[in-house]
Amino acid sequence: MAVVIDSGVPAPTDRFSQTPPARWHDLLLAKRQFLETKLQHDCRCLIEFVEEAEDVWEALDFSSAEEMICEGYELDPIEIDLAVAWLKHNEQDVAIGLGEITAKISAAKDEPLNAWGNRDGENNSRNKDRVDNVNPVKGGNSTDYTLRRLARDCPEMLDRIESGELSVNAAAIAAGIRKVDTPDEKALKALRKADNPDEVWETFSEERHP
């Protein structure tokens, strides 16, 4: 059974499950005010807030979790659904604003990479968008670069990313932009990095030939 904490005025980061129900409306207001400024620079809290809405909307006299998000938090449920789907598929180690999520996809649609060798007849090697595909510093595996390349080579994937159906990485793999190592390739890479290669090779051989 969850422990209910009664500590006075609720903080926006308090959980509904740990707050006396008599104070849930106060907590809802605190969360709404918190989201007004927080989402502009860090929307990672949305996952928790939306999941809570699924549990408490009825007790707070809303007709659905969507109405609680719209009327209680004063947010656009569709935009929030897209953002939550993005966050779940693309775990963020650093803060990302709500607007940044949709802006990344919109920017990729507006400015896809140039077509290969199709810039006034220039050779591919001189294309300004040509980058090292395995060096994030040069852009190869960065999210922005991957989105722009998808916009150029497989634009329909952007809609699937925006809807939350695919992560950026999954879309890149499905489009053939990123390569997935086979089990043998993964084993060989592990062998090269291992401090005890003989043991790794023995394990690999046993898995291949039980």
N, C-alpha and C. Protein backbone atom coordinates (compact mmCIF):
# COMPACT_ATOMS: atom_id res chain seq x y z
N MET A 1 0.84 -1.19 0.00
CA MET A 1 0.00 0.00 0.00
C MET A 1 0.88 1.25 0.00
N ALA A 2 0.56 2.22 -0.87
CA ALA A 2 1.38 3.42 -0.99
C ALA A 2 1.29 4.25 0.28
N VAL A 3 2.41 4.86 0.65
CA VAL A 3 2.46 5.73 1.82
C VAL A 3 2.06 7.13 1.41
N VAL A 4 1.07 7.72 2.05
CA VAL A 4 0.62 9.06 1.75
C VAL A 4 1.36 10.06 2.62
N ILE A 5 1.99 11.02 1.99
CA ILE A 5 2.79 12.00 2.71
C ILE A 5 2.01 13.31 2.81
N ASP A 6 1.80 13.80 4.03
CA ASP A 6 1.10 15.07 4.25
C ASP A 6 2.14 16.08 4.71
N SER A 7 2.62 16.91 3.79
CA SER A 7 3.70 17.82 4.13
C SER A 7 3.34 19.27 3.83
N GLY A 8 2.04 19.62 3.90
CA GLY A 8 1.66 21.00 3.66
C GLY A 8 1.36 21.26 2.20
N VAL A 9 1.76 22.44 1.72
CA VAL A 9 1.50 22.83 0.33
C VAL A 9 2.23 21.89 -0.61
N PRO A 10 1.52 21.30 -1.58
CA PRO A 10 2.18 20.34 -2.46
C PRO A 10 3.14 21.02 -3.43
N ALA A 11 4.24 20.33 -3.73
CA ALA A 11 5.20 20.79 -4.73
C ALA A 11 4.82 20.19 -6.07
N PRO A 12 5.13 20.84 -7.18
CA PRO A 12 4.73 20.32 -8.50
C PRO A 12 5.32 18.96 -8.84
N THR A 13 6.43 18.63 -8.21
CA THR A 13 7.05 17.34 -8.47
C THR A 13 6.51 16.23 -7.58
N ASP A 14 5.59 16.57 -6.65
CA ASP A 14 4.96 15.55 -5.81
C ASP A 14 4.10 14.64 -6.68
N ARG A 15 3.98 13.40 -6.28
CA ARG A 15 3.11 12.46 -6.99
C ARG A 15 1.71 12.51 -6.40
N PHE A 16 0.70 12.33 -7.25
CA PHE A 16 -0.67 12.27 -6.75
C PHE A 16 -0.82 11.11 -5.76
N SER A 17 -0.15 10.00 -6.04
CA SER A 17 -0.27 8.82 -5.18
C SER A 17 0.31 9.03 -3.80
N GLN A 18 1.15 10.06 -3.63
CA GLN A 18 1.77 10.34 -2.34
C GLN A 18 1.24 11.62 -1.70
N THR A 19 0.12 12.10 -2.24
CA THR A 19 -0.49 13.34 -1.75
C THR A 19 -1.92 13.04 -1.33
N PRO A 20 -2.37 13.56 -0.19
CA PRO A 20 -3.76 13.33 0.23
C PRO A 20 -4.73 13.80 -0.85
N PRO A 21 -5.73 12.99 -1.21
CA PRO A 21 -6.69 13.36 -2.25
C PRO A 21 -7.33 14.73 -2.04
N ALA A 22 -7.47 15.17 -0.78
CA ALA A 22 -8.06 16.48 -0.52
C ALA A 22 -7.22 17.61 -1.09
N ARG A 23 -5.96 17.33 -1.36
CA ARG A 23 -5.06 18.36 -1.89
C ARG A 23 -4.73 18.14 -3.37
N TRP A 24 -5.42 17.26 -4.04
CA TRP A 24 -5.12 16.98 -5.44
C TRP A 24 -5.37 18.19 -6.34
N HIS A 25 -6.40 18.95 -6.07
CA HIS A 25 -6.66 20.13 -6.89
C HIS A 25 -5.54 21.17 -6.72
N ASP A 26 -5.03 21.30 -5.49
CA ASP A 26 -3.89 22.19 -5.27
C ASP A 26 -2.66 21.69 -6.01
N LEU A 27 -2.48 20.37 -6.00
CA LEU A 27 -1.33 19.79 -6.69
C LEU A 27 -1.47 19.98 -8.20
N LEU A 28 -2.68 19.83 -8.72
CA LEU A 28 -2.91 20.04 -10.14
C LEU A 28 -2.54 21.47 -10.53
N LEU A 29 -2.94 22.44 -9.73
CA LEU A 29 -2.61 23.84 -10.00
C LEU A 29 -1.10 24.06 -9.94
N ALA A 30 -0.44 23.45 -8.97
CA ALA A 30 1.01 23.60 -8.84
C ALA A 30 1.71 23.03 -10.07
N LYS A 31 1.23 21.88 -10.55
CA LYS A 31 1.82 21.27 -11.74
C LYS A 31 1.58 22.13 -12.97
N ARG A 32 0.37 22.71 -13.08
CA ARG A 32 0.06 23.57 -14.23
C ARG A 32 1.02 24.77 -14.28
N GLN A 33 1.20 25.43 -13.14
CA GLN A 33 2.09 26.59 -13.09
C GLN A 33 3.54 26.19 -13.37
N PHE A 34 3.91 25.03 -12.89
CA PHE A 34 5.26 24.51 -13.12
C PHE A 34 5.49 24.27 -14.61
N LEU A 35 4.50 23.67 -15.28
CA LEU A 35 4.64 23.34 -16.69
C LEU A 35 4.70 24.57 -17.58
N GLU A 36 4.08 25.67 -17.16
CA GLU A 36 4.07 26.89 -17.96
C GLU A 36 5.48 27.35 -18.31
N THR A 37 6.41 27.18 -17.39
CA THR A 37 7.79 27.62 -17.63
C THR A 37 8.73 26.44 -17.90
N LYS A 38 8.48 25.32 -17.25
CA LYS A 38 9.38 24.18 -17.36
C LYS A 38 9.47 23.62 -18.77
N LEU A 39 8.33 23.52 -19.45
CA LEU A 39 8.30 22.86 -20.75
C LEU A 39 9.09 23.59 -21.81
N GLN A 40 9.33 24.88 -21.60
CA GLN A 40 10.06 25.64 -22.60
C GLN A 40 11.51 25.19 -22.73
N HIS A 41 12.07 24.66 -21.65
CA HIS A 41 13.47 24.25 -21.72
C HIS A 41 13.70 22.78 -21.33
N ASP A 42 12.71 22.15 -20.72
CA ASP A 42 12.89 20.73 -20.37
C ASP A 42 11.52 20.07 -20.21
N CYS A 43 11.15 19.26 -21.18
CA CYS A 43 9.82 18.64 -21.14
C CYS A 43 9.86 17.16 -20.76
N ARG A 44 10.99 16.72 -20.23
CA ARG A 44 11.12 15.30 -19.91
C ARG A 44 10.15 14.85 -18.82
N CYS A 45 9.67 15.79 -18.00
CA CYS A 45 8.72 15.45 -16.94
C CYS A 45 7.36 15.05 -17.50
N LEU A 46 7.12 15.31 -18.78
CA LEU A 46 5.81 15.02 -19.37
C LEU A 46 5.42 13.56 -19.25
N ILE A 47 6.37 12.66 -19.38
CA ILE A 47 6.05 11.24 -19.32
C ILE A 47 5.37 10.92 -17.99
N GLU A 48 5.96 11.38 -16.91
CA GLU A 48 5.39 11.12 -15.58
C GLU A 48 4.05 11.81 -15.41
N PHE A 49 3.94 13.08 -15.83
CA PHE A 49 2.71 13.84 -15.64
C PHE A 49 1.55 13.24 -16.43
N VAL A 50 1.83 12.80 -17.66
CA VAL A 50 0.78 12.20 -18.49
C VAL A 50 0.35 10.85 -17.94
N GLU A 51 1.30 10.06 -17.48
CA GLU A 51 0.96 8.77 -16.89
C GLU A 51 0.09 8.96 -15.64
N GLU A 52 0.39 9.99 -14.85
CA GLU A 52 -0.42 10.27 -13.67
C GLU A 52 -1.84 10.67 -14.07
N ALA A 53 -1.96 11.45 -15.13
CA ALA A 53 -3.29 11.88 -15.58
C ALA A 53 -4.18 10.69 -15.90
N GLU A 54 -3.58 9.63 -16.42
CA GLU A 54 -4.34 8.42 -16.73
C GLU A 54 -4.93 7.79 -15.46
N ASP A 55 -4.28 8.04 -14.32
CA ASP A 55 -4.71 7.42 -13.07
C ASP A 55 -5.70 8.26 -12.27
N VAL A 56 -5.65 9.58 -12.42
CA VAL A 56 -6.41 10.43 -11.49
C VAL A 56 -7.47 11.32 -12.15
N TRP A 57 -7.59 11.28 -13.49
CA TRP A 57 -8.51 12.22 -14.17
C TRP A 57 -9.95 12.12 -13.64
N GLU A 58 -10.39 10.89 -13.36
CA GLU A 58 -11.78 10.72 -12.93
C GLU A 58 -12.00 11.30 -11.54
N ALA A 59 -11.03 11.07 -10.65
CA ALA A 59 -11.15 11.58 -9.29
C ALA A 59 -11.12 13.10 -9.25
N LEU A 60 -10.53 13.72 -10.29
CA LEU A 60 -10.46 15.18 -10.36
C LEU A 60 -11.60 15.77 -11.19
N ASP A 61 -12.59 14.92 -11.50
CA ASP A 61 -13.81 15.36 -12.17
C ASP A 61 -13.61 15.76 -13.63
N PHE A 62 -12.63 15.14 -14.28
CA PHE A 62 -12.48 15.34 -15.71
C PHE A 62 -13.13 14.17 -16.44
N SER A 63 -13.48 14.36 -17.70
CA SER A 63 -14.13 13.30 -18.46
C SER A 63 -13.14 12.30 -19.04
N SER A 64 -11.86 12.67 -19.07
CA SER A 64 -10.82 11.79 -19.61
C SER A 64 -9.45 12.36 -19.24
N ALA A 65 -8.43 11.56 -19.46
CA ALA A 65 -7.07 12.04 -19.23
C ALA A 65 -6.75 13.18 -20.19
N GLU A 66 -7.27 13.07 -21.43
CA GLU A 66 -7.04 14.12 -22.43
C GLU A 66 -7.62 15.46 -21.95
N GLU A 67 -8.81 15.41 -21.34
CA GLU A 67 -9.42 16.65 -20.85
C GLU A 67 -8.60 17.21 -19.68
N MET A 68 -8.07 16.34 -18.85
CA MET A 68 -7.24 16.81 -17.75
C MET A 68 -5.99 17.50 -18.28
N ILE A 69 -5.38 16.95 -19.32
CA ILE A 69 -4.20 17.56 -19.93
C ILE A 69 -4.56 18.91 -20.55
N CYS A 70 -5.72 18.95 -21.21
CA CYS A 70 -6.15 20.17 -21.90
C CYS A 70 -6.64 21.24 -20.93
N GLU A 71 -7.56 20.87 -20.06
CA GLU A 71 -8.17 21.83 -19.16
C GLU A 71 -7.40 22.00 -17.85
N GLY A 72 -6.88 20.89 -17.34
CA GLY A 72 -6.18 20.96 -16.06
C GLY A 72 -4.77 21.51 -16.19
N TYR A 73 -4.01 20.99 -17.17
CA TYR A 73 -2.64 21.44 -17.38
C TYR A 73 -2.56 22.58 -18.40
N GLU A 74 -3.67 22.82 -19.11
CA GLU A 74 -3.73 23.85 -20.16
C GLU A 74 -2.69 23.59 -21.24
N LEU A 75 -2.67 22.35 -21.72
CA LEU A 75 -1.75 21.94 -22.77
C LEU A 75 -2.54 21.35 -23.93
N ASP A 76 -1.92 21.29 -25.09
CA ASP A 76 -2.53 20.69 -26.27
C ASP A 76 -2.32 19.18 -26.21
N PRO A 77 -3.38 18.38 -26.01
CA PRO A 77 -3.20 16.93 -25.87
C PRO A 77 -2.49 16.27 -27.04
N ILE A 78 -2.76 16.73 -28.27
CA ILE A 78 -2.12 16.13 -29.44
C ILE A 78 -0.62 16.41 -29.44
N GLU A 79 -0.26 17.66 -29.18
CA GLU A 79 1.16 18.01 -29.12
C GLU A 79 1.86 17.24 -28.01
N ILE A 80 1.18 17.11 -26.87
CA ILE A 80 1.77 16.40 -25.74
C ILE A 80 1.92 14.91 -26.04
N ASP A 81 0.93 14.31 -26.70
CA ASP A 81 1.04 12.90 -27.08
C ASP A 81 2.24 12.67 -27.98
N LEU A 82 2.45 13.57 -28.95
CA LEU A 82 3.59 13.44 -29.85
C LEU A 82 4.91 13.58 -29.09
N ALA A 83 4.94 14.55 -28.17
CA ALA A 83 6.16 14.77 -27.40
C ALA A 83 6.48 13.58 -26.51
N VAL A 84 5.45 13.03 -25.86
CA VAL A 84 5.66 11.87 -24.98
C VAL A 84 6.13 10.66 -25.80
N ALA A 85 5.53 10.46 -26.97
CA ALA A 85 5.96 9.35 -27.83
C ALA A 85 7.41 9.53 -28.24
N TRP A 86 7.78 10.76 -28.58
CA TRP A 86 9.17 11.04 -28.95
C TRP A 86 10.11 10.74 -27.79
N LEU A 87 9.75 11.24 -26.60
CA LEU A 87 10.61 11.06 -25.43
C LEU A 87 10.79 9.59 -25.08
N LYS A 88 9.72 8.81 -25.23
CA LYS A 88 9.81 7.39 -24.89
C LYS A 88 10.70 6.64 -25.87
N HIS A 89 10.72 7.08 -27.13
CA HIS A 89 11.54 6.41 -28.14
C HIS A 89 12.95 6.97 -28.21
N ASN A 90 13.15 8.17 -27.68
CA ASN A 90 14.45 8.82 -27.78
C ASN A 90 14.85 9.34 -26.41
N GLU A 91 15.36 8.46 -25.59
CA GLU A 91 15.71 8.82 -24.22
C GLU A 91 16.71 9.96 -24.22
N GLN A 92 16.40 11.01 -23.47
CA GLN A 92 17.21 12.21 -23.46
C GLN A 92 18.06 12.28 -22.20
N ASP A 93 19.38 12.45 -22.39
CA ASP A 93 20.28 12.63 -21.25
C ASP A 93 20.37 14.09 -20.84
N VAL A 94 19.98 14.98 -21.74
CA VAL A 94 20.02 16.41 -21.44
C VAL A 94 18.63 17.00 -21.67
N ALA A 95 18.41 18.17 -21.10
CA ALA A 95 17.11 18.83 -21.22
C ALA A 95 16.77 19.12 -22.68
N ILE A 96 15.49 18.96 -23.02
CA ILE A 96 15.01 19.32 -24.35
C ILE A 96 13.64 19.96 -24.19
N GLY A 97 13.46 21.11 -24.82
CA GLY A 97 12.20 21.83 -24.72
C GLY A 97 11.13 21.22 -25.59
N LEU A 98 9.88 21.45 -25.21
CA LEU A 98 8.76 20.91 -25.97
C LEU A 98 8.81 21.36 -27.42
N GLY A 99 9.09 22.64 -27.63
CA GLY A 99 9.14 23.16 -29.00
C GLY A 99 10.26 22.55 -29.82
N GLU A 100 11.35 22.15 -29.17
CA GLU A 100 12.48 21.59 -29.89
C GLU A 100 12.13 20.27 -30.57
N ILE A 101 11.27 19.49 -29.95
CA ILE A 101 10.93 18.18 -30.49
C ILE A 101 10.26 18.32 -31.86
N THR A 102 9.22 19.14 -31.94
CA THR A 102 8.55 19.32 -33.23
C THR A 102 9.40 20.16 -34.17
N ALA A 103 10.21 21.07 -33.63
CA ALA A 103 11.06 21.90 -34.48
C ALA A 103 12.10 21.07 -35.22
N LYS A 104 12.63 20.03 -34.56
CA LYS A 104 13.63 19.18 -35.20
C LYS A 104 13.06 18.53 -36.46
N ILE A 105 11.84 18.02 -36.35
CA ILE A 105 11.23 17.36 -37.49
C ILE A 105 10.84 18.37 -38.56
N SER A 106 10.29 19.51 -38.15
CA SER A 106 9.91 20.54 -39.11
C SER A 106 11.12 21.06 -39.87
N ALA A 107 12.24 21.25 -39.14
CA ALA A 107 13.45 21.74 -39.78
C ALA A 107 13.99 20.74 -40.80
N ALA A 108 13.91 19.46 -40.45
CA ALA A 108 14.38 18.44 -41.37
C ALA A 108 13.53 18.42 -42.64
N LYS A 109 12.22 18.61 -42.48
CA LYS A 109 11.34 18.64 -43.65
C LYS A 109 11.64 19.85 -44.53
N ASP A 110 11.94 20.98 -43.89
CA ASP A 110 12.19 22.21 -44.64
C ASP A 110 13.56 22.22 -45.31
N GLU A 111 14.51 21.51 -44.73
CA GLU A 111 15.87 21.54 -45.26
C GLU A 111 16.50 20.15 -45.28
N PRO A 112 16.02 19.28 -46.17
CA PRO A 112 16.66 17.97 -46.30
C PRO A 112 18.06 18.12 -46.87
N LEU A 113 18.85 17.08 -46.73
CA LEU A 113 20.19 17.11 -47.31
C LEU A 113 20.08 17.24 -48.82
N ASN A 114 21.11 17.83 -49.41
CA ASN A 114 21.15 17.92 -50.87
C ASN A 114 21.23 16.53 -51.48
N ALA A 115 20.68 16.38 -52.67
CA ALA A 115 20.78 15.11 -53.38
C ALA A 115 22.24 14.83 -53.71
N TRP A 116 22.62 13.55 -53.69
CA TRP A 116 24.00 13.17 -53.97
C TRP A 116 24.40 13.63 -55.37
N GLY A 117 25.50 14.38 -55.45
CA GLY A 117 26.07 14.74 -56.74
C GLY A 117 25.11 15.52 -57.60
N ASN A 118 24.13 16.22 -56.96
CA ASN A 118 23.10 16.89 -57.75
C ASN A 118 23.10 18.38 -57.47
N ARG A 119 24.24 18.89 -57.15
CA ARG A 119 24.38 20.32 -56.85
C ARG A 119 25.22 20.96 -57.93
N ASP A 120 24.53 21.42 -58.98
CA ASP A 120 25.19 22.01 -60.14
C ASP A 120 26.24 21.09 -60.73
N GLY A 121 25.95 19.79 -60.68
CA GLY A 121 26.85 18.83 -61.29
C GLY A 121 28.10 18.53 -60.51
N GLU A 122 28.19 19.04 -59.29
CA GLU A 122 29.39 18.80 -58.51
C GLU A 122 29.48 17.35 -58.09
N ASN A 123 30.69 16.92 -57.87
CA ASN A 123 30.93 15.56 -57.40
C ASN A 123 30.49 15.43 -55.96
N ASN A 124 30.09 14.22 -55.57
CA ASN A 124 29.63 13.99 -54.20
C ASN A 124 30.62 14.47 -53.15
N SER A 125 31.88 14.29 -53.41
CA SER A 125 32.90 14.59 -52.42
C SER A 125 32.96 16.08 -52.11
N ARG A 126 32.38 16.91 -52.99
CA ARG A 126 32.43 18.35 -52.77
C ARG A 126 31.11 18.88 -52.22
N ASN A 127 30.14 17.99 -52.03
CA ASN A 127 28.83 18.41 -51.52
C ASN A 127 28.99 18.93 -50.11
N LYS A 128 28.41 20.11 -49.82
CA LYS A 128 28.58 20.72 -48.50
C LYS A 128 27.94 19.89 -47.41
N ASP A 129 26.99 18.99 -47.78
CA ASP A 129 26.32 18.18 -46.78
C ASP A 129 26.99 16.84 -46.58
N ARG A 130 28.08 16.59 -47.30
CA ARG A 130 28.75 15.30 -47.14
C ARG A 130 29.48 15.28 -45.82
N VAL A 131 29.22 14.27 -44.98
CA VAL A 131 29.84 14.20 -43.66
C VAL A 131 30.30 12.78 -43.39
N ASP A 132 31.06 12.66 -42.34
CA ASP A 132 31.51 11.34 -41.89
C ASP A 132 30.34 10.65 -41.21
N ASN A 133 29.89 9.52 -41.75
CA ASN A 133 28.68 8.87 -41.26
C ASN A 133 28.86 8.19 -39.92
N VAL A 134 30.07 8.14 -39.40
CA VAL A 134 30.27 7.52 -38.09
C VAL A 134 30.87 8.48 -37.09
N ASN A 135 30.97 9.75 -37.44
CA ASN A 135 31.57 10.72 -36.55
C ASN A 135 30.54 11.76 -36.15
N PRO A 136 29.96 11.66 -34.93
CA PRO A 136 28.92 12.59 -34.51
C PRO A 136 29.37 14.04 -34.54
N VAL A 137 30.68 14.29 -34.31
CA VAL A 137 31.16 15.66 -34.31
C VAL A 137 30.96 16.29 -35.68
N LYS A 138 31.13 15.49 -36.74
CA LYS A 138 30.94 15.98 -38.10
C LYS A 138 29.48 15.87 -38.53
N GLY A 139 28.66 15.24 -37.73
CA GLY A 139 27.24 15.22 -38.04
C GLY A 139 26.69 13.88 -38.47
N GLY A 140 27.55 12.90 -38.73
CA GLY A 140 27.08 11.65 -39.31
C GLY A 140 26.00 10.94 -38.54
N ASN A 141 26.15 10.78 -37.25
CA ASN A 141 25.16 10.05 -36.47
C ASN A 141 24.36 10.97 -35.55
N SER A 142 24.47 12.28 -35.72
CA SER A 142 23.69 13.18 -34.89
C SER A 142 22.22 13.10 -35.29
N THR A 143 21.35 13.43 -34.34
CA THR A 143 19.92 13.37 -34.62
C THR A 143 19.53 14.32 -35.75
N ASP A 144 20.06 15.56 -35.73
CA ASP A 144 19.69 16.53 -36.74
C ASP A 144 20.10 16.06 -38.14
N TYR A 145 21.33 15.53 -38.24
CA TYR A 145 21.79 15.03 -39.54
C TYR A 145 20.92 13.87 -40.02
N THR A 146 20.62 12.94 -39.10
CA THR A 146 19.82 11.78 -39.48
C THR A 146 18.43 12.19 -39.95
N LEU A 147 17.82 13.16 -39.26
CA LEU A 147 16.51 13.64 -39.67
C LEU A 147 16.56 14.29 -41.05
N ARG A 148 17.60 15.07 -41.31
CA ARG A 148 17.73 15.72 -42.62
C ARG A 148 17.97 14.69 -43.72
N ARG A 149 18.74 13.67 -43.40
CA ARG A 149 18.98 12.64 -44.41
C ARG A 149 17.71 11.84 -44.69
N LEU A 150 16.93 11.57 -43.63
CA LEU A 150 15.65 10.90 -43.84
C LEU A 150 14.72 11.77 -44.68
N ALA A 151 14.75 13.10 -44.44
CA ALA A 151 13.92 14.01 -45.22
C ALA A 151 14.28 13.96 -46.70
N ARG A 152 15.55 13.72 -46.97
CA ARG A 152 15.99 13.64 -48.37
C ARG A 152 15.72 12.28 -48.98
N ASP A 153 16.08 11.22 -48.25
CA ASP A 153 16.07 9.88 -48.83
C ASP A 153 14.79 9.10 -48.58
N CYS A 154 14.11 9.38 -47.46
CA CYS A 154 12.94 8.59 -47.11
C CYS A 154 11.99 9.46 -46.28
N PRO A 155 11.43 10.50 -46.87
CA PRO A 155 10.67 11.49 -46.10
C PRO A 155 9.46 10.94 -45.36
N GLU A 156 8.89 9.83 -45.85
CA GLU A 156 7.73 9.28 -45.16
C GLU A 156 8.07 8.80 -43.75
N MET A 157 9.36 8.53 -43.51
CA MET A 157 9.79 8.09 -42.18
C MET A 157 9.61 9.20 -41.14
N LEU A 158 9.68 10.46 -41.58
CA LEU A 158 9.53 11.56 -40.63
C LEU A 158 8.15 11.58 -40.02
N ASP A 159 7.13 11.24 -40.80
CA ASP A 159 5.78 11.18 -40.26
C ASP A 159 5.66 10.07 -39.23
N ARG A 160 6.35 8.96 -39.46
CA ARG A 160 6.29 7.85 -38.52
C ARG A 160 7.05 8.18 -37.23
N ILE A 161 8.11 8.99 -37.34
CA ILE A 161 8.82 9.45 -36.15
C ILE A 161 7.95 10.42 -35.37
N GLU A 162 7.33 11.36 -36.11
CA GLU A 162 6.52 12.40 -35.47
C GLU A 162 5.32 11.81 -34.74
N SER A 163 4.79 10.72 -35.28
CA SER A 163 3.63 10.08 -34.65
C SER A 163 4.03 9.22 -33.46
N GLY A 164 5.34 8.99 -33.29
CA GLY A 164 5.80 8.16 -32.19
C GLY A 164 5.89 6.69 -32.54
N GLU A 165 5.61 6.36 -33.81
CA GLU A 165 5.65 4.95 -34.23
C GLU A 165 7.07 4.42 -34.22
N LEU A 166 8.03 5.26 -34.63
CA LEU A 166 9.43 4.83 -34.70
C LEU A 166 10.32 5.85 -34.00
N SER A 167 11.42 5.37 -33.44
CA SER A 167 12.45 6.27 -32.96
C SER A 167 13.28 6.71 -34.15
N VAL A 168 14.12 7.73 -33.96
CA VAL A 168 14.98 8.18 -35.04
C VAL A 168 15.90 7.05 -35.48
N ASN A 169 16.45 6.33 -34.51
CA ASN A 169 17.36 5.24 -34.83
C ASN A 169 16.65 4.13 -35.60
N ALA A 170 15.44 3.76 -35.15
CA ALA A 170 14.70 2.69 -35.83
C ALA A 170 14.34 3.10 -37.25
N ALA A 171 13.98 4.36 -37.43
CA ALA A 171 13.64 4.85 -38.77
C ALA A 171 14.87 4.82 -39.67
N ALA A 172 16.01 5.20 -39.12
CA ALA A 172 17.25 5.19 -39.91
C ALA A 172 17.62 3.77 -40.33
N ILE A 173 17.40 2.82 -39.44
CA ILE A 173 17.69 1.41 -39.77
C ILE A 173 16.71 0.91 -40.82
N ALA A 174 15.42 1.24 -40.65
CA ALA A 174 14.41 0.80 -41.61
C ALA A 174 14.65 1.40 -42.99
N ALA A 175 15.20 2.61 -43.03
CA ALA A 175 15.46 3.27 -44.31
C ALA A 175 16.78 2.85 -44.92
N GLY A 176 17.55 2.04 -44.19
CA GLY A 176 18.83 1.58 -44.71
C GLY A 176 19.96 2.57 -44.52
N ILE A 177 19.72 3.61 -43.71
CA ILE A 177 20.74 4.63 -43.49
C ILE A 177 21.76 4.16 -42.46
N ARG A 178 21.27 3.42 -41.48
CA ARG A 178 22.17 2.87 -40.46
C ARG A 178 22.18 1.36 -40.57
N LYS A 179 23.34 0.81 -40.35
CA LYS A 179 23.53 -0.62 -40.46
C LYS A 179 23.44 -1.27 -39.09
N VAL A 180 22.78 -2.41 -39.01
CA VAL A 180 22.69 -3.17 -37.77
C VAL A 180 23.66 -4.34 -37.86
N ASP A 181 24.55 -4.44 -36.90
CA ASP A 181 25.53 -5.53 -36.91
C ASP A 181 24.84 -6.88 -36.77
N THR A 182 25.34 -7.86 -37.50
CA THR A 182 24.86 -9.22 -37.33
C THR A 182 25.43 -9.77 -36.02
N PRO A 183 24.87 -10.87 -35.52
CA PRO A 183 25.43 -11.46 -34.29
C PRO A 183 26.91 -11.78 -34.41
N ASP A 184 27.34 -12.24 -35.59
CA ASP A 184 28.76 -12.55 -35.78
C ASP A 184 29.60 -11.28 -35.69
N GLU A 185 29.12 -10.20 -36.30
CA GLU A 185 29.87 -8.94 -36.27
C GLU A 185 29.96 -8.39 -34.85
N LYS A 186 28.85 -8.51 -34.10
CA LYS A 186 28.86 -8.05 -32.71
C LYS A 186 29.87 -8.85 -31.89
N ALA A 187 29.91 -10.16 -32.15
CA ALA A 187 30.83 -11.02 -31.40
C ALA A 187 32.28 -10.67 -31.72
N LEU A 188 32.56 -10.39 -32.98
CA LEU A 188 33.92 -10.05 -33.38
C LEU A 188 34.36 -8.72 -32.78
N LYS A 189 33.44 -7.76 -32.72
CA LYS A 189 33.77 -6.48 -32.10
C LYS A 189 34.06 -6.66 -30.62
N ALA A 190 33.24 -7.49 -29.96
CA ALA A 190 33.47 -7.76 -28.54
C ALA A 190 34.82 -8.45 -28.34
N LEU A 191 35.17 -9.33 -29.28
CA LEU A 191 36.44 -10.06 -29.19
C LEU A 191 37.62 -9.10 -29.28
N ARG A 192 37.53 -8.11 -30.17
CA ARG A 192 38.62 -7.16 -30.35
C ARG A 192 38.80 -6.28 -29.12
N LYS A 193 37.69 -5.98 -28.43
CA LYS A 193 37.76 -5.08 -27.27
C LYS A 193 38.02 -5.82 -25.96
N ALA A 194 37.89 -7.12 -25.98
CA ALA A 194 37.94 -7.89 -24.73
C ALA A 194 39.35 -7.96 -24.16
N ASP A 195 39.41 -7.98 -22.82
CA ASP A 195 40.69 -8.18 -22.14
C ASP A 195 41.05 -9.66 -22.12
N ASN A 196 40.02 -10.51 -22.27
CA ASN A 196 40.25 -11.96 -22.28
C ASN A 196 39.67 -12.56 -23.57
N PRO A 197 40.29 -12.29 -24.72
CA PRO A 197 39.73 -12.73 -26.00
C PRO A 197 39.51 -14.23 -26.11
N ASP A 198 40.36 -15.01 -25.47
CA ASP A 198 40.19 -16.46 -25.56
C ASP A 198 38.86 -16.90 -24.95
N GLU A 199 38.50 -16.31 -23.82
CA GLU A 199 37.25 -16.65 -23.16
C GLU A 199 36.05 -16.21 -24.01
N VAL A 200 36.14 -15.02 -24.59
CA VAL A 200 35.06 -14.53 -25.45
C VAL A 200 34.90 -15.42 -26.66
N TRP A 201 36.03 -15.82 -27.26
CA TRP A 201 35.98 -16.69 -28.43
C TRP A 201 35.38 -18.04 -28.09
N GLU A 202 35.69 -18.54 -26.91
CA GLU A 202 35.15 -19.82 -26.48
C GLU A 202 33.63 -19.74 -26.32
N THR A 203 33.16 -18.64 -25.71
CA THR A 203 31.71 -18.44 -25.55
C THR A 203 31.03 -18.32 -26.90
N PHE A 204 31.64 -17.56 -27.80
CA PHE A 204 31.09 -17.38 -29.14
C PHE A 204 31.01 -18.71 -29.88
N SER A 205 32.03 -19.53 -29.77
CA SER A 205 32.05 -20.82 -30.45
C SER A 205 30.99 -21.75 -29.89
N GLU A 206 30.79 -21.71 -28.57
CA GLU A 206 29.78 -22.56 -27.95
C GLU A 206 28.37 -22.16 -28.40
N GLU A 207 28.14 -20.87 -28.56
CA GLU A 207 26.83 -20.39 -29.01
C GLU A 207 26.57 -20.78 -30.46
N ARG A 208 27.62 -20.76 -31.27
CA ARG A 208 27.45 -21.11 -32.69
C ARG A 208 27.37 -22.61 -32.88
N HIS A 209 28.09 -23.35 -32.02
CA HIS A 209 28.14 -24.83 -32.16
C HIS A 209 27.88 -25.49 -30.81
N PRO A 210 26.66 -25.45 -30.33
CA PRO A 210 26.34 -26.05 -29.01
C PRO A 210 26.54 -27.55 -29.01
